[in-house]
Protein backbone atom coordinates (compact mmCIF):
# COMPACT_ATOMS: atom_id res chain seq x y z
CA GLN A 1 13.97 -10.65 10.39
CA VAL A 2 12.11 -8.32 8.05
CA GLN A 3 8.37 -8.25 8.56
CA LEU A 4 5.69 -6.28 6.75
CA VAL A 5 2.19 -6.74 8.11
CA GLU A 6 -0.73 -5.20 6.25
CA SER A 7 -4.09 -4.46 7.81
CA GLY A 8 -7.23 -2.45 7.14
CA GLY A 9 -8.70 -4.32 4.19
CA GLY A 10 -12.30 -5.37 4.03
CA LEU A 11 -15.61 -5.02 2.24
CA VAL A 12 -16.70 -1.51 1.29
CA GLN A 13 -19.42 -0.11 -0.94
CA PRO A 14 -18.59 1.78 -4.13
CA GLY A 15 -17.76 5.38 -3.27
CA GLY A 16 -16.57 4.41 0.18
CA SER A 17 -13.20 4.71 1.87
CA LEU A 18 -10.64 2.50 3.53
CA ARG A 19 -7.29 3.11 5.17
CA LEU A 20 -4.65 0.42 4.81
CA SER A 21 -1.70 0.19 7.18
CA CYS A 22 1.59 -1.64 6.87
CA ALA A 23 3.61 -2.14 10.04
CA ALA A 24 7.29 -2.75 9.35
CA SER A 25 10.02 -4.25 11.48
CA GLY A 26 13.50 -5.73 11.15
CA PHE A 27 15.06 -3.06 8.94
CA ALA A 28 15.82 0.65 8.77
CA PHE A 29 12.32 1.76 7.83
CA SER A 30 13.10 5.45 7.40
CA SER A 31 15.73 4.60 4.76
CA ALA A 32 13.45 2.40 2.67
CA ALA A 33 11.27 3.28 -0.28
CA MET A 34 7.79 2.03 0.60
CA SER A 35 5.11 1.09 -1.88
CA TRP A 36 1.65 -0.39 -2.17
CA TYR A 37 0.92 -2.84 -4.96
CA ARG A 38 -2.23 -4.71 -5.82
CA GLN A 39 -3.05 -7.91 -7.61
CA VAL A 40 -6.16 -9.53 -8.98
CA PRO A 41 -6.06 -13.30 -9.60
CA GLY A 42 -4.80 -13.97 -13.10
CA ASN A 43 -3.21 -10.54 -13.43
CA GLU A 44 0.26 -9.24 -12.69
CA ARG A 45 0.93 -7.34 -9.51
CA GLU A 46 0.78 -3.61 -10.24
CA LEU A 47 2.17 -0.57 -8.49
CA VAL A 48 -0.44 1.60 -6.79
CA ALA A 49 1.65 4.20 -4.98
CA ARG A 50 5.20 4.77 -3.73
CA ILE A 51 6.77 7.06 -1.17
CA ILE A 52 10.50 7.66 -1.24
CA ALA A 53 12.70 7.64 1.86
CA PHE A 54 13.69 10.86 3.61
CA VAL A 55 12.24 13.44 1.19
CA GLY A 56 8.85 11.75 1.07
CA ILE A 57 8.29 12.22 -2.64
CA THR A 58 5.26 10.27 -3.79
CA ASN A 59 4.07 8.89 -7.07
CA TYR A 60 0.85 7.19 -8.06
CA ALA A 61 -0.55 4.99 -10.75
CA ASP A 62 -2.85 6.95 -13.04
CA PHE A 63 -5.83 4.85 -12.05
CA VAL A 64 -5.65 6.07 -8.40
CA LYS A 65 -4.50 9.68 -8.81
CA GLY A 66 -6.73 12.02 -6.89
CA ARG A 67 -8.37 9.19 -4.96
CA PHE A 68 -5.58 7.46 -3.01
CA THR A 69 -2.93 8.98 -0.75
CA ILE A 70 0.21 7.24 0.50
CA SER A 71 1.93 8.45 3.64
CA ARG A 72 4.46 7.21 6.16
CA ASP A 73 5.15 7.64 9.86
CA ASN A 74 8.81 6.89 10.44
CA ALA A 75 8.36 7.10 14.21
CA LYS A 76 5.84 4.24 14.02
CA ASN A 77 7.55 2.33 11.19
CA THR A 78 4.26 2.36 9.35
CA VAL A 79 3.11 3.25 5.85
CA TYR A 80 -0.50 4.02 5.04
CA LEU A 81 -2.72 4.05 2.01
CA GLU A 82 -5.81 6.21 2.29
CA MET A 83 -8.30 5.09 -0.35
CA ASN A 84 -11.31 7.24 -1.22
CA SER A 85 -14.00 7.08 -3.89
CA LEU A 86 -13.44 3.37 -4.19
CA LYS A 87 -14.62 1.59 -7.32
CA PRO A 88 -15.42 -2.08 -7.92
CA GLU A 89 -12.31 -2.28 -10.09
CA ASP A 90 -10.20 -1.45 -7.02
CA THR A 91 -11.05 -4.89 -5.68
CA ALA A 92 -7.74 -6.72 -5.21
CA MET A 93 -5.23 -8.03 -2.74
CA TYR A 94 -3.10 -5.10 -1.63
CA TYR A 95 0.53 -5.69 -0.77
CA CYS A 96 3.08 -3.60 1.07
CA ASN A 97 6.60 -3.47 -0.37
CA ALA A 98 9.88 -2.15 0.99
CA VAL A 99 13.03 -1.59 -1.03
CA LEU A 100 16.29 -0.97 0.79
CA ARG A 101 19.82 -1.26 -0.59
CA GLY A 102 18.58 -3.16 -3.63
CA LEU A 103 16.61 -5.72 -1.62
CA SER A 104 12.84 -5.99 -1.93
CA TYR A 105 10.54 -7.23 0.81
CA TRP A 106 6.84 -8.07 0.68
CA GLY A 107 4.01 -8.47 3.09
CA LYS A 108 1.33 -11.15 2.79
CA GLY A 109 -1.35 -8.73 1.69
CA THR A 110 -4.75 -7.51 2.77
CA LEU A 111 -7.89 -8.04 0.71
CA VAL A 112 -9.98 -5.09 -0.41
CA THR A 113 -13.40 -5.82 -1.87
CA VAL A 114 -15.51 -3.02 -3.31
CA SER A 115 -19.05 -4.18 -3.87
CA SER A 116 -22.63 -3.21 -3.19
């Protein structure tokens, strides 16, 4: 079955960095569009970054442009989110998402807390 397992979250000081990973299994990873979303309790889940299958085109939410980088390793069935210059407002649960042939799959999330 499809599995998306996020890791790499944690507590970091403002201005710090974290690298999130999402290990995928159970589907044709290289054919899927992969994304990172985030959600704060009481708010809707919002798109952070997306990387398209095959051509690797990326797009980012305005609030992370220049600070976050999404990448994928199709050989390892893994998508990454490199987060730099973190701000307290980046604190959220971060979720990995895969879209393939119109079907959407979600991981359980990894918590990122930015605080001094």
